[in-house]
Amino acid sequence: MNLYQLFKASLMEPKRQAAVRIMTIGKIMQFIFIFIAFLTVIAFIELISSLDVATSNLDGLVEFVEEIEWLLYPFAVISLFVSTTIYHFVKISLFALIALVILNARKRRGEYRHLWRTTALSVTVPTLLAFALSFLDLGFSVSLLTSLLTVLYLYLAIGYYPKKPPIQKAQSKA
């Protein structure tokens, strides 16, 4: 699968999200880092626009920002990318643990590493939704909504994992 197919699968295809469990981790990491780079660019644009609005209200801040602008923007991009990466990897890892509980409850076969790959795709839509809703000032908890949506995606994807074989009772020797 190429990156576009991975993105398409992450949007609404739980069967394909489950199928990525057998892909190489390198392709999944490439998808994650490109997705994080995309989020970082959008967040940086938002930062610049909000900084322009904030500096228009304070004259002293305008002079300060103009003097260190060459240093501020690269540092902002790097820190945004690093913090977004850490946050995203921790989020994927925690949701993979939740998926492991769901996997065992549904009596499906899989390992944490498989669930981590599936979770990497399952968090895409909720992350984009949270990012879009962050621009709006809504009264409800966006993080709760996106967390429940991620768990729903994982539940649907785990349904396509193979079932565990029935446990055979040990035959007693007579």
C-alpha atoms as a PDB file:
ATOM      1  CA  MET A   1       0.000   0.000   0.000  1.00  0.00           C
ATOM      2  CA  ASN A   2       1.229   3.471  -0.770  1.00  0.00           C
ATOM      3  CA  LEU A   3       0.729   6.444   1.547  1.00  0.00           C
ATOM      4  CA  TYR A   4      -2.415   7.633  -0.216  1.00  0.00           C
ATOM      5  CA  GLN A   5      -3.984   4.179   0.152  1.00  0.00           C
ATOM      6  CA  LEU A   6      -3.038   4.156   3.840  1.00  0.00           C
ATOM      7  CA  PHE A   7      -4.660   7.560   4.314  1.00  0.00           C
ATOM      8  CA  LYS A   8      -7.774   6.420   2.458  1.00  0.00           C
ATOM      9  CA  ALA A   9      -7.916   3.260   4.589  1.00  0.00           C
ATOM     10  CA  SER A  10      -7.549   5.324   7.741  1.00  0.00           C
ATOM     11  CA  LEU A  11     -10.630   7.355   6.888  1.00  0.00           C
ATOM     12  CA  MET A  12     -13.396   4.774   6.744  1.00  0.00           C
ATOM     13  CA  GLU A  13     -12.144   1.275   6.072  1.00  0.00           C
ATOM     14  CA  PRO A  14     -11.856  -0.794   9.258  1.00  0.00           C
ATOM     15  CA  LYS A  15     -11.103  -3.927   7.260  1.00  0.00           C
ATOM     16  CA  ARG A  16      -8.018  -2.315   5.747  1.00  0.00           C
ATOM     17  CA  GLN A  17      -7.064  -0.833   9.113  1.00  0.00           C
ATOM     18  CA  ALA A  18      -6.993  -4.379  10.447  1.00  0.00           C
ATOM     19  CA  ALA A  19      -5.054  -5.555   7.404  1.00  0.00           C
ATOM     20  CA  VAL A  20      -2.149  -3.173   8.072  1.00  0.00           C
ATOM     21  CA  ARG A  21      -1.194  -5.341  11.040  1.00  0.00           C
ATOM     22  CA  ILE A  22       0.893  -7.435   8.658  1.00  0.00           C
ATOM     23  CA  MET A  23       2.597  -4.478   6.960  1.00  0.00           C
ATOM     24  CA  THR A  24       6.123  -3.468   7.779  1.00  0.00           C
ATOM     25  CA  ILE A  25       6.506  -0.966  10.595  1.00  0.00           C
ATOM     26  CA  GLY A  26       8.589   1.276   8.320  1.00  0.00           C
ATOM     27  CA  LYS A  27       5.652   2.076   6.059  1.00  0.00           C
ATOM     28  CA  ILE A  28       3.433   2.823   9.071  1.00  0.00           C
ATOM     29  CA  MET A  29       6.119   5.089  10.571  1.00  0.00           C
ATOM     30  CA  GLN A  30       6.452   6.899   7.261  1.00  0.00           C
ATOM     31  CA  PHE A  31       2.687   7.485   7.236  1.00  0.00           C
ATOM     32  CA  ILE A  32       2.741   8.729  10.839  1.00  0.00           C
ATOM     33  CA  PHE A  33       5.606  11.164  10.275  1.00  0.00           C
ATOM     34  CA  ILE A  34       4.062  12.598   7.108  1.00  0.00           C
ATOM     35  CA  PHE A  35       0.751  12.973   8.936  1.00  0.00           C
ATOM     36  CA  ILE A  36       2.508  14.722  11.844  1.00  0.00           C
ATOM     37  CA  ALA A  37       4.381  16.983   9.404  1.00  0.00           C
ATOM     38  CA  PHE A  38       1.046  17.942   7.845  1.00  0.00           C
ATOM     39  CA  LEU A  39      -0.413  18.758  11.278  1.00  0.00           C
ATOM     40  CA  THR A  40       2.711  20.734  12.181  1.00  0.00           C
ATOM     41  CA  VAL A  41       2.508  22.885   9.047  1.00  0.00           C
ATOM     42  CA  ILE A  42      -1.137  23.719   9.722  1.00  0.00           C
ATOM     43  CA  ALA A  43      -0.417  24.452  13.396  1.00  0.00           C
ATOM     44  CA  PHE A  44       2.520  26.665  12.402  1.00  0.00           C
ATOM     45  CA  ILE A  45       0.317  28.655  10.025  1.00  0.00           C
ATOM     46  CA  GLU A  46      -2.199  29.059  12.844  1.00  0.00           C
ATOM     47  CA  LEU A  47       0.606  30.173  15.177  1.00  0.00           C
ATOM     48  CA  ILE A  48       1.834  32.796  12.724  1.00  0.00           C
ATOM     49  CA  SER A  49      -1.653  34.178  12.160  1.00  0.00           C
ATOM     50  CA  SER A  50      -2.423  34.300  15.892  1.00  0.00           C
ATOM     51  CA  LEU A  51       0.970  35.885  16.558  1.00  0.00           C
ATOM     52  CA  ASP A  52       0.226  38.584  13.985  1.00  0.00           C
ATOM     53  CA  VAL A  53      -3.095  39.316  15.707  1.00  0.00           C
ATOM     54  CA  ALA A  54      -1.480  39.392  19.156  1.00  0.00           C
ATOM     55  CA  THR A  55       1.374  41.641  18.071  1.00  0.00           C
ATOM     56  CA  SER A  56      -0.975  44.147  16.461  1.00  0.00           C
ATOM     57  CA  ASN A  57      -2.361  44.884  19.923  1.00  0.00           C
ATOM     58  CA  LEU A  58       0.975  45.386  21.693  1.00  0.00           C
ATOM     59  CA  ASP A  59       3.541  47.797  20.251  1.00  0.00           C
ATOM     60  CA  GLY A  60       6.497  46.609  22.359  1.00  0.00           C
ATOM     61  CA  LEU A  61       5.862  43.011  21.372  1.00  0.00           C
ATOM     62  CA  VAL A  62       5.876  43.993  17.697  1.00  0.00           C
ATOM     63  CA  GLU A  63       9.399  45.376  17.954  1.00  0.00           C
ATOM     64  CA  PHE A  64      10.586  42.320  19.900  1.00  0.00           C
ATOM     65  CA  VAL A  65       9.118  39.850  17.410  1.00  0.00           C
ATOM     66  CA  GLU A  66      10.581  41.760  14.453  1.00  0.00           C
ATOM     67  CA  GLU A  67      14.046  41.605  16.045  1.00  0.00           C
ATOM     68  CA  ILE A  68      14.003  37.836  16.727  1.00  0.00           C
ATOM     69  CA  GLU A  69      11.764  36.729  13.862  1.00  0.00           C
ATOM     70  CA  TRP A  70      14.616  34.831  12.160  1.00  0.00           C
ATOM     71  CA  LEU A  71      15.063  32.785  15.344  1.00  0.00           C
ATOM     72  CA  LEU A  72      11.438  32.485  16.422  1.00  0.00           C
ATOM     73  CA  TYR A  73       9.997  30.729  13.389  1.00  0.00           C
ATOM     74  CA  PRO A  74      12.508  27.870  12.999  1.00  0.00           C
ATOM     75  CA  PHE A  75      12.420  27.217  16.737  1.00  0.00           C
ATOM     76  CA  ALA A  76       8.609  27.220  16.657  1.00  0.00           C
ATOM     77  CA  VAL A  77       8.508  24.709  13.781  1.00  0.00           C
ATOM     78  CA  ILE A  78      10.988  22.371  15.463  1.00  0.00           C
ATOM     79  CA  SER A  79       9.282  22.516  18.853  1.00  0.00           C
ATOM     80  CA  LEU A  80       5.850  22.045  17.275  1.00  0.00           C
ATOM     81  CA  PHE A  81       7.050  19.009  15.333  1.00  0.00           C
ATOM     82  CA  VAL A  82       8.774  17.409  18.332  1.00  0.00           C
ATOM     83  CA  SER A  83       5.879  17.989  20.731  1.00  0.00           C
ATOM     84  CA  THR A  84       3.300  16.810  18.190  1.00  0.00           C
ATOM     85  CA  THR A  85       5.359  13.689  17.497  1.00  0.00           C
ATOM     86  CA  ILE A  86       5.695  12.811  21.175  1.00  0.00           C
ATOM     87  CA  TYR A  87       2.000  13.429  21.794  1.00  0.00           C
ATOM     88  CA  HIS A  88       0.951  11.369  18.777  1.00  0.00           C
ATOM     89  CA  PHE A  89       3.162   8.390  19.635  1.00  0.00           C
ATOM     90  CA  VAL A  90       1.992   8.365  23.257  1.00  0.00           C
ATOM     91  CA  LYS A  91      -1.620   8.579  22.080  1.00  0.00           C
ATOM     92  CA  ILE A  92      -1.163   5.683  19.648  1.00  0.00           C
ATOM     93  CA  SER A  93       0.537   3.577  22.333  1.00  0.00           C
ATOM     94  CA  LEU A  94      -2.204   4.185  24.917  1.00  0.00           C
ATOM     95  CA  PHE A  95      -4.993   3.443  22.471  1.00  0.00           C
ATOM     96  CA  ALA A  96      -3.153   0.276  21.413  1.00  0.00           C
ATOM     97  CA  LEU A  97      -3.301  -0.841  25.057  1.00  0.00           C
ATOM     98  CA  ILE A  98      -7.045  -0.193  25.084  1.00  0.00           C
ATOM     99  CA  ALA A  99      -7.282  -2.137  21.815  1.00  0.00           C
ATOM    100  CA  LEU A 100      -5.457  -5.048  23.455  1.00  0.00           C
ATOM    101  CA  VAL A 101      -8.208  -5.193  26.083  1.00  0.00           C
ATOM    102  CA  ILE A 102     -10.858  -5.090  23.345  1.00  0.00           C
ATOM    103  CA  LEU A 103      -8.999  -7.785  21.388  1.00  0.00           C
ATOM    104  CA  ASN A 104      -8.960 -10.148  24.364  1.00  0.00           C
ATOM    105  CA  ALA A 105     -12.593  -9.410  25.224  1.00  0.00           C
ATOM    106  CA  ARG A 106     -13.653 -10.216  21.661  1.00  0.00           C
ATOM    107  CA  LYS A 107     -11.511 -13.377  21.651  1.00  0.00           C
ATOM    108  CA  ARG A 108      -9.446 -12.377  18.645  1.00  0.00           C
ATOM    109  CA  ARG A 109      -5.840 -13.218  17.852  1.00  0.00           C
ATOM    110  CA  GLY A 110      -3.231 -10.502  17.712  1.00  0.00           C
ATOM    111  CA  GLU A 111      -0.333  -8.918  19.473  1.00  0.00           C
ATOM    112  CA  TYR A 112       0.378  -5.420  20.735  1.00  0.00           C
ATOM    113  CA  ARG A 113       2.576  -4.687  17.716  1.00  0.00           C
ATOM    114  CA  HIS A 114      -0.312  -5.542  15.372  1.00  0.00           C
ATOM    115  CA  LEU A 115      -2.684  -3.364  17.350  1.00  0.00           C
ATOM    116  CA  TRP A 116      -0.188  -0.498  17.365  1.00  0.00           C
ATOM    117  CA  ARG A 117      -0.142  -0.498  13.577  1.00  0.00           C
ATOM    118  CA  THR A 118      -3.921  -0.630  13.385  1.00  0.00           C
ATOM    119  CA  THR A 119      -4.210   2.129  15.976  1.00  0.00           C
ATOM    120  CA  ALA A 120      -1.839   4.337  13.983  1.00  0.00           C
ATOM    121  CA  LEU A 121      -4.459   4.428  11.252  1.00  0.00           C
ATOM    122  CA  SER A 122      -7.471   4.474  13.573  1.00  0.00           C
ATOM    123  CA  VAL A 123      -6.436   7.736  15.233  1.00  0.00           C
ATOM    124  CA  THR A 124      -6.192   9.636  11.933  1.00  0.00           C
ATOM    125  CA  VAL A 125      -9.829  10.726  11.561  1.00  0.00           C
ATOM    126  CA  PRO A 126     -10.323  11.560  15.259  1.00  0.00           C
ATOM    127  CA  THR A 127      -7.105  13.591  15.213  1.00  0.00           C
ATOM    128  CA  LEU A 128      -8.202  15.518  12.132  1.00  0.00           C
ATOM    129  CA  LEU A 129     -11.615  16.054  13.709  1.00  0.00           C
ATOM    130  CA  ALA A 130     -10.061  17.334  16.949  1.00  0.00           C
ATOM    131  CA  PHE A 131      -7.777  19.588  14.960  1.00  0.00           C
ATOM    132  CA  ALA A 132     -10.679  21.029  12.975  1.00  0.00           C
ATOM    133  CA  LEU A 133     -12.842  21.463  16.075  1.00  0.00           C
ATOM    134  CA  SER A 134     -10.018  23.258  17.883  1.00  0.00           C
ATOM    135  CA  PHE A 135     -10.581  26.234  15.590  1.00  0.00           C
ATOM    136  CA  LEU A 136     -14.164  26.455  16.806  1.00  0.00           C
ATOM    137  CA  ASP A 137     -14.977  27.359  20.370  1.00  0.00           C
ATOM    138  CA  LEU A 138     -17.298  24.522  21.354  1.00  0.00           C
ATOM    139  CA  GLY A 139     -18.669  23.925  24.815  1.00  0.00           C
ATOM    140  CA  PHE A 140     -18.282  20.130  24.884  1.00  0.00           C
ATOM    141  CA  SER A 141     -15.178  18.095  25.407  1.00  0.00           C
ATOM    142  CA  VAL A 142     -13.577  17.466  22.036  1.00  0.00           C
ATOM    143  CA  SER A 143     -11.034  15.060  23.513  1.00  0.00           C
ATOM    144  CA  LEU A 144     -13.765  12.816  24.925  1.00  0.00           C
ATOM    145  CA  LEU A 145     -15.559  12.753  21.585  1.00  0.00           C
ATOM    146  CA  THR A 146     -12.407  11.929  19.638  1.00  0.00           C
ATOM    147  CA  SER A 147     -11.362   9.279  22.173  1.00  0.00           C
ATOM    148  CA  LEU A 148     -14.708   7.526  21.858  1.00  0.00           C
ATOM    149  CA  LEU A 149     -14.463   7.751  18.080  1.00  0.00           C
ATOM    150  CA  THR A 150     -10.985   6.186  18.170  1.00  0.00           C
ATOM    151  CA  VAL A 151     -12.223   3.330  20.362  1.00  0.00           C
ATOM    152  CA  LEU A 152     -15.115   2.805  17.932  1.00  0.00           C
ATOM    153  CA  TYR A 153     -12.695   2.627  14.986  1.00  0.00           C
ATOM    154  CA  LEU A 154     -10.550   0.150  16.887  1.00  0.00           C
ATOM    155  CA  TYR A 155     -13.560  -1.962  17.846  1.00  0.00           C
ATOM    156  CA  LEU A 156     -14.647  -2.152  14.209  1.00  0.00           C
ATOM    157  CA  ALA A 157     -11.126  -2.933  12.967  1.00  0.00           C
ATOM    158  CA  ILE A 158     -10.581  -5.640  15.597  1.00  0.00           C
ATOM    159  CA  GLY A 159     -13.690  -7.355  14.278  1.00  0.00           C
ATOM    160  CA  TYR A 160     -11.615  -8.258  11.203  1.00  0.00           C
ATOM    161  CA  TYR A 161      -8.803  -9.860  13.220  1.00  0.00           C
ATOM    162  CA  PRO A 162      -8.810 -13.669  13.132  1.00  0.00           C
ATOM    163  CA  LYS A 163     -10.676 -15.443  15.916  1.00  0.00           C
ATOM    164  CA  LYS A 164      -8.848 -17.391  18.574  1.00  0.00           C
ATOM    165  CA  PRO A 165      -9.198 -21.123  18.145  1.00  0.00           C
ATOM    166  CA  PRO A 166     -11.412 -22.795  20.744  1.00  0.00           C
ATOM    167  CA  ILE A 167      -9.525 -24.119  23.743  1.00  0.00           C
ATOM    168  CA  GLN A 168      -9.190 -27.892  23.616  1.00  0.00           C
ATOM    169  CA  LYS A 169      -9.704 -29.630  26.922  1.00  0.00           C
ATOM    170  CA  ALA A 170      -6.941 -32.014  27.797  1.00  0.00           C
ATOM    171  CA  GLN A 171      -8.024 -35.576  27.197  1.00  0.00           C
ATOM    172  CA  SER A 172      -7.633 -37.650  30.273  1.00  0.00           C
ATOM    173  CA  LYS A 173      -5.681 -40.876  29.979  1.00  0.00           C
ATOM    174  CA  ALA A 174      -7.706 -43.918  30.851  1.00  0.00           C
END
